[in-house]
Amino acid sequence: MTLQNSVQVFAGTMVLLSVYLTLYVHPNFFWFTAFIGFNLIQASFTGFCPAALVLGKLGFKKTE
């Protein structure tokens, strides 16, 4: 799996987790969903993605 694919899987998993937590644990987990969305938007403009840094260190390779 490439780094880009792993970041997309991670982001999707976090969104689904945050929706679940919002519905079944506490409504304030909505802010977790908002944070994820904000981070996705800023990463598209700046190219800086903290998740990509961590996943890259875990061994996922960039596409060539």
PDB file of N, CA and C in Angstrom:
ATOM      1  N   MET A   1       0.861  -1.172   0.000  1.00  0.00           N
ATOM      2  CA  MET A   1       0.000   0.000   0.000  1.00  0.00           C
ATOM      3  C   MET A   1       0.905   1.232   0.000  1.00  0.00           C
ATOM      4  N   THR A   2       0.548   2.190  -0.827  1.00  0.00           N
ATOM      5  CA  THR A   2       1.352   3.406  -0.906  1.00  0.00           C
ATOM      6  C   THR A   2       1.024   4.345   0.247  1.00  0.00           C
ATOM      7  N   LEU A   3       1.884   5.330   0.424  1.00  0.00           N
ATOM      8  CA  LEU A   3       1.678   6.316   1.483  1.00  0.00           C
ATOM      9  C   LEU A   3       0.375   7.080   1.271  1.00  0.00           C
ATOM     10  N   GLN A   4       0.108   7.479   0.037  1.00  0.00           N
ATOM     11  CA  GLN A   4      -1.109   8.234  -0.245  1.00  0.00           C
ATOM     12  C   GLN A   4      -2.357   7.413   0.087  1.00  0.00           C
ATOM     13  N   ASN A   5      -2.351   6.146  -0.304  1.00  0.00           N
ATOM     14  CA  ASN A   5      -3.504   5.289  -0.005  1.00  0.00           C
ATOM     15  C   ASN A   5      -3.665   5.087   1.493  1.00  0.00           C
ATOM     16  N   SER A   6      -2.550   4.922   2.198  1.00  0.00           N
ATOM     17  CA  SER A   6      -2.634   4.709   3.636  1.00  0.00           C
ATOM     18  C   SER A   6      -3.151   5.949   4.362  1.00  0.00           C
ATOM     19  N   VAL A   7      -2.791   7.138   3.881  1.00  0.00           N
ATOM     20  CA  VAL A   7      -3.306   8.376   4.475  1.00  0.00           C
ATOM     21  C   VAL A   7      -4.808   8.472   4.249  1.00  0.00           C
ATOM     22  N   GLN A   8      -5.261   8.106   3.059  1.00  0.00           N
ATOM     23  CA  GLN A   8      -6.698   8.148   2.778  1.00  0.00           C
ATOM     24  C   GLN A   8      -7.466   7.154   3.642  1.00  0.00           C
ATOM     25  N   VAL A   9      -6.923   5.959   3.814  1.00  0.00           N
ATOM     26  CA  VAL A   9      -7.569   4.962   4.680  1.00  0.00           C
ATOM     27  C   VAL A   9      -7.609   5.468   6.119  1.00  0.00           C
ATOM     28  N   PHE A  10      -6.502   6.044   6.580  1.00  0.00           N
ATOM     29  CA  PHE A  10      -6.441   6.569   7.941  1.00  0.00           C
ATOM     30  C   PHE A  10      -7.461   7.696   8.139  1.00  0.00           C
ATOM     31  N   ALA A  11      -7.529   8.640   7.188  1.00  0.00           N
ATOM     32  CA  ALA A  11      -8.468   9.763   7.303  1.00  0.00           C
ATOM     33  C   ALA A  11      -9.909   9.261   7.311  1.00  0.00           C
ATOM     34  N   GLY A  12     -10.235   8.338   6.422  1.00  0.00           N
ATOM     35  CA  GLY A  12     -11.590   7.796   6.388  1.00  0.00           C
ATOM     36  C   GLY A  12     -11.960   7.066   7.661  1.00  0.00           C
ATOM     37  N   THR A  13     -11.006   6.326   8.206  1.00  0.00           N
ATOM     38  CA  THR A  13     -11.241   5.614   9.461  1.00  0.00           C
ATOM     39  C   THR A  13     -11.477   6.589  10.605  1.00  0.00           C
ATOM     40  N   MET A  14     -10.686   7.655  10.650  1.00  0.00           N
ATOM     41  CA  MET A  14     -10.850   8.651  11.709  1.00  0.00           C
ATOM     42  C   MET A  14     -12.197   9.370  11.592  1.00  0.00           C
ATOM     43  N   VAL A  15     -12.635   9.664  10.378  1.00  0.00           N
ATOM     44  CA  VAL A  15     -13.937  10.312  10.196  1.00  0.00           C
ATOM     45  C   VAL A  15     -15.050   9.385  10.685  1.00  0.00           C
ATOM     46  N   LEU A  16     -15.008   8.128  10.281  1.00  0.00           N
ATOM     47  CA  LEU A  16     -16.037   7.189  10.718  1.00  0.00           C
ATOM     48  C   LEU A  16     -16.016   6.992  12.229  1.00  0.00           C
ATOM     49  N   LEU A  17     -14.823   6.910  12.814  1.00  0.00           N
ATOM     50  CA  LEU A  17     -14.698   6.787  14.263  1.00  0.00           C
ATOM     51  C   LEU A  17     -15.281   8.012  14.967  1.00  0.00           C
ATOM     52  N   SER A  18     -14.987   9.196  14.457  1.00  0.00           N
ATOM     53  CA  SER A  18     -15.491  10.407  15.100  1.00  0.00           C
ATOM     54  C   SER A  18     -17.010  10.521  14.985  1.00  0.00           C
ATOM     55  N   VAL A  19     -17.577  10.080  13.871  1.00  0.00           N
ATOM     56  CA  VAL A  19     -19.040  10.082  13.732  1.00  0.00           C
ATOM     57  C   VAL A  19     -19.657   9.106  14.722  1.00  0.00           C
ATOM     58  N   TYR A  20     -19.061   7.932  14.849  1.00  0.00           N
ATOM     59  CA  TYR A  20     -19.549   6.948  15.817  1.00  0.00           C
ATOM     60  C   TYR A  20     -19.494   7.513  17.238  1.00  0.00           C
ATOM     61  N   LEU A  21     -18.357   8.115  17.590  1.00  0.00           N
ATOM     62  CA  LEU A  21     -18.211   8.680  18.935  1.00  0.00           C
ATOM     63  C   LEU A  21     -19.212   9.808  19.175  1.00  0.00           C
ATOM     64  N   THR A  22     -19.468  10.617  18.151  1.00  0.00           N
ATOM     65  CA  THR A  22     -20.439  11.701  18.283  1.00  0.00           C
ATOM     66  C   THR A  22     -21.840  11.154  18.541  1.00  0.00           C
ATOM     67  N   LEU A  23     -22.209  10.101  17.833  1.00  0.00           N
ATOM     68  CA  LEU A  23     -23.557   9.555  17.960  1.00  0.00           C
ATOM     69  C   LEU A  23     -23.763   8.757  19.246  1.00  0.00           C
ATOM     70  N   TYR A  24     -22.751   8.006  19.662  1.00  0.00           N
ATOM     71  CA  TYR A  24     -22.956   7.046  20.746  1.00  0.00           C
ATOM     72  C   TYR A  24     -22.243   7.362  22.055  1.00  0.00           C
ATOM     73  N   VAL A  25     -21.310   8.331  22.045  1.00  0.00           N
ATOM     74  CA  VAL A  25     -20.592   8.632  23.281  1.00  0.00           C
ATOM     75  C   VAL A  25     -20.955  10.022  23.792  1.00  0.00           C
ATOM     76  N   HIS A  26     -20.648  11.048  22.991  1.00  0.00           N
ATOM     77  CA  HIS A  26     -20.938  12.418  23.419  1.00  0.00           C
ATOM     78  C   HIS A  26     -20.959  13.333  22.204  1.00  0.00           C
ATOM     79  N   PRO A  27     -21.930  14.245  22.126  1.00  0.00           N
ATOM     80  CA  PRO A  27     -22.027  15.144  20.974  1.00  0.00           C
ATOM     81  C   PRO A  27     -20.802  16.040  20.749  1.00  0.00           C
ATOM     82  N   ASN A  28     -20.019  16.288  21.778  1.00  0.00           N
ATOM     83  CA  ASN A  28     -18.846  17.144  21.596  1.00  0.00           C
ATOM     84  C   ASN A  28     -17.746  16.489  20.764  1.00  0.00           C
ATOM     85  N   PHE A  29     -17.868  15.196  20.479  1.00  0.00           N
ATOM     86  CA  PHE A  29     -16.912  14.573  19.557  1.00  0.00           C
ATOM     87  C   PHE A  29     -17.077  15.114  18.146  1.00  0.00           C
ATOM     88  N   PHE A  30     -18.125  15.912  17.909  1.00  0.00           N
ATOM     89  CA  PHE A  30     -18.270  16.625  16.639  1.00  0.00           C
ATOM     90  C   PHE A  30     -17.016  17.443  16.346  1.00  0.00           C
ATOM     91  N   TRP A  31     -16.403  17.991  17.376  1.00  0.00           N
ATOM     92  CA  TRP A  31     -15.198  18.815  17.178  1.00  0.00           C
ATOM     93  C   TRP A  31     -14.031  17.996  16.657  1.00  0.00           C
ATOM     94  N   PHE A  32     -13.998  16.727  16.982  1.00  0.00           N
ATOM     95  CA  PHE A  32     -12.974  15.834  16.428  1.00  0.00           C
ATOM     96  C   PHE A  32     -13.170  15.695  14.921  1.00  0.00           C
ATOM     97  N   THR A  33     -14.422  15.542  14.495  1.00  0.00           N
ATOM     98  CA  THR A  33     -14.736  15.474  13.066  1.00  0.00           C
ATOM     99  C   THR A  33     -14.348  16.777  12.376  1.00  0.00           C
ATOM    100  N   ALA A  34     -14.654  17.904  13.000  1.00  0.00           N
ATOM    101  CA  ALA A  34     -14.301  19.207  12.426  1.00  0.00           C
ATOM    102  C   ALA A  34     -12.784  19.357  12.308  1.00  0.00           C
ATOM    103  N   PHE A  35     -12.047  18.906  13.306  1.00  0.00           N
ATOM    104  CA  PHE A  35     -10.587  18.974  13.264  1.00  0.00           C
ATOM    105  C   PHE A  35     -10.032  18.156  12.101  1.00  0.00           C
ATOM    106  N   ILE A  36     -10.578  16.973  11.893  1.00  0.00           N
ATOM    107  CA  ILE A  36     -10.126  16.124  10.793  1.00  0.00           C
ATOM    108  C   ILE A  36     -10.384  16.820   9.455  1.00  0.00           C
ATOM    109  N   GLY A  37     -11.577  17.396   9.304  1.00  0.00           N
ATOM    110  CA  GLY A  37     -11.899  18.114   8.069  1.00  0.00           C
ATOM    111  C   GLY A  37     -10.980  19.298   7.846  1.00  0.00           C
ATOM    112  N   PHE A  38     -10.730  20.069   8.899  1.00  0.00           N
ATOM    113  CA  PHE A  38      -9.820  21.207   8.793  1.00  0.00           C
ATOM    114  C   PHE A  38      -8.420  20.745   8.390  1.00  0.00           C
ATOM    115  N   ASN A  39      -7.952  19.661   8.982  1.00  0.00           N
ATOM    116  CA  ASN A  39      -6.621  19.151   8.667  1.00  0.00           C
ATOM    117  C   ASN A  39      -6.538  18.682   7.213  1.00  0.00           C
ATOM    118  N   LEU A  40      -7.584  18.061   6.704  1.00  0.00           N
ATOM    119  CA  LEU A  40      -7.597  17.641   5.301  1.00  0.00           C
ATOM    120  C   LEU A  40      -7.543  18.844   4.364  1.00  0.00           C
ATOM    121  N   ILE A  41      -8.263  19.904   4.707  1.00  0.00           N
ATOM    122  CA  ILE A  41      -8.261  21.111   3.876  1.00  0.00           C
ATOM    123  C   ILE A  41      -6.900  21.784   3.900  1.00  0.00           C
ATOM    124  N   GLN A  42      -6.303  21.949   5.092  1.00  0.00           N
ATOM    125  CA  GLN A  42      -5.006  22.608   5.164  1.00  0.00           C
ATOM    126  C   GLN A  42      -3.934  21.778   4.475  1.00  0.00           C
ATOM    127  N   ALA A  43      -4.021  20.457   4.539  1.00  0.00           N
ATOM    128  CA  ALA A  43      -3.036  19.602   3.872  1.00  0.00           C
ATOM    129  C   ALA A  43      -3.122  19.746   2.351  1.00  0.00           C
ATOM    130  N   SER A  44      -4.315  19.959   1.836  1.00  0.00           N
ATOM    131  CA  SER A  44      -4.449  20.123   0.380  1.00  0.00           C
ATOM    132  C   SER A  44      -3.835  21.436  -0.097  1.00  0.00           C
ATOM    133  N   PHE A  45      -3.854  22.461   0.749  1.00  0.00           N
ATOM    134  CA  PHE A  45      -3.269  23.751   0.369  1.00  0.00           C
ATOM    135  C   PHE A  45      -1.770  23.825   0.646  1.00  0.00           C
ATOM    136  N   THR A  46      -1.330  23.256   1.760  1.00  0.00           N
ATOM    137  CA  THR A  46       0.066  23.413   2.164  1.00  0.00           C
ATOM    138  C   THR A  46       0.949  22.232   1.792  1.00  0.00           C
ATOM    139  N   GLY A  47       0.360  21.069   1.594  1.00  0.00           N
ATOM    140  CA  GLY A  47       1.138  19.870   1.329  1.00  0.00           C
ATOM    141  C   GLY A  47       1.702  19.236   2.587  1.00  0.00           C
ATOM    142  N   PHE A  48       1.443  19.832   3.744  1.00  0.00           N
ATOM    143  CA  PHE A  48       1.923  19.292   5.016  1.00  0.00           C
ATOM    144  C   PHE A  48       0.835  18.450   5.656  1.00  0.00           C
ATOM    145  N   CYS A  49       1.144  17.174   5.872  1.00  0.00           N
ATOM    146  CA  CYS A  49       0.174  16.264   6.479  1.00  0.00           C
ATOM    147  C   CYS A  49       0.858  15.492   7.602  1.00  0.00           C
ATOM    148  N   PRO A  50       0.486  15.771   8.856  1.00  0.00           N
ATOM    149  CA  PRO A  50       1.106  15.062   9.975  1.00  0.00           C
ATOM    150  C   PRO A  50       0.929  13.538   9.894  1.00  0.00           C
ATOM    151  N   ALA A  51      -0.212  13.095   9.424  1.00  0.00           N
ATOM    152  CA  ALA A  51      -0.444  11.649   9.306  1.00  0.00           C
ATOM    153  C   ALA A  51       0.524  11.026   8.306  1.00  0.00           C
ATOM    154  N   ALA A  52       0.820  11.725   7.224  1.00  0.00           N
ATOM    155  CA  ALA A  52       1.759  11.209   6.229  1.00  0.00           C
ATOM    156  C   ALA A  52       3.161  11.091   6.813  1.00  0.00           C
ATOM    157  N   LEU A  53       3.545  12.030   7.668  1.00  0.00           N
ATOM    158  CA  LEU A  53       4.858  11.949   8.308  1.00  0.00           C
ATOM    159  C   LEU A  53       4.954  10.698   9.182  1.00  0.00           C
ATOM    160  N   VAL A  54       3.922  10.473   9.982  1.00  0.00           N
ATOM    161  CA  VAL A  54       3.921   9.313  10.887  1.00  0.00           C
ATOM    162  C   VAL A  54       3.872   8.014  10.089  1.00  0.00           C
ATOM    163  N   LEU A  55       2.987   7.941   9.107  1.00  0.00           N
ATOM    164  CA  LEU A  55       2.867   6.715   8.321  1.00  0.00           C
ATOM    165  C   LEU A  55       4.127   6.468   7.490  1.00  0.00           C
ATOM    166  N   GLY A  56       4.778   7.526   7.030  1.00  0.00           N
ATOM    167  CA  GLY A  56       6.039   7.367   6.313  1.00  0.00           C
ATOM    168  C   GLY A  56       7.110   6.763   7.197  1.00  0.00           C
ATOM    169  N   LYS A  57       7.152   7.175   8.453  1.00  0.00           N
ATOM    170  CA  LYS A  57       8.124   6.615   9.399  1.00  0.00           C
ATOM    171  C   LYS A  57       7.795   5.166   9.759  1.00  0.00           C
ATOM    172  N   LEU A  58       6.533   4.789   9.573  1.00  0.00           N
ATOM    173  CA  LEU A  58       6.129   3.408   9.840  1.00  0.00           C
ATOM    174  C   LEU A  58       6.449   2.491   8.662  1.00  0.00           C
ATOM    175  N   GLY A  59       6.922   3.057   7.548  1.00  0.00           N
ATOM    176  CA  GLY A  59       7.381   2.217   6.450  1.00  0.00           C
ATOM    177  C   GLY A  59       6.562   2.276   5.173  1.00  0.00           C
ATOM    178  N   PHE A  60       5.521   3.077   5.128  1.00  0.00           N
ATOM    179  CA  PHE A  60       4.762   3.188   3.890  1.00  0.00           C
ATOM    180  C   PHE A  60       5.571   4.003   2.896  1.00  0.00           C
ATOM    181  N   LYS A  61       5.615   3.564   1.648  1.00  0.00           N
ATOM    182  CA  LYS A  61       6.452   4.194   0.635  1.00  0.00           C
ATOM    183  C   LYS A  61       5.659   5.160  -0.228  1.00  0.00           C
ATOM    184  N   LYS A  62       6.312   6.280  -0.588  1.00  0.00           N
ATOM    185  CA  LYS A  62       5.707   7.235  -1.510  1.00  0.00           C
ATOM    186  C   LYS A  62       5.648   6.636  -2.901  1.00  0.00           C
ATOM    187  N   THR A  63       4.694   7.100  -3.706  1.00  0.00           N
ATOM    188  CA  THR A  63       4.636   6.671  -5.102  1.00  0.00           C
ATOM    189  C   THR A  63       5.744   7.362  -5.865  1.00  0.00           C
ATOM    190  N   GLU A  64       6.210   6.709  -6.897  1.00  0.00           N
ATOM    191  CA  GLU A  64       7.321   7.280  -7.669  1.00  0.00           C
ATOM    192  C   GLU A  64       6.870   7.814  -8.978  1.00  0.00           C
TER     193      GLU A  64
END
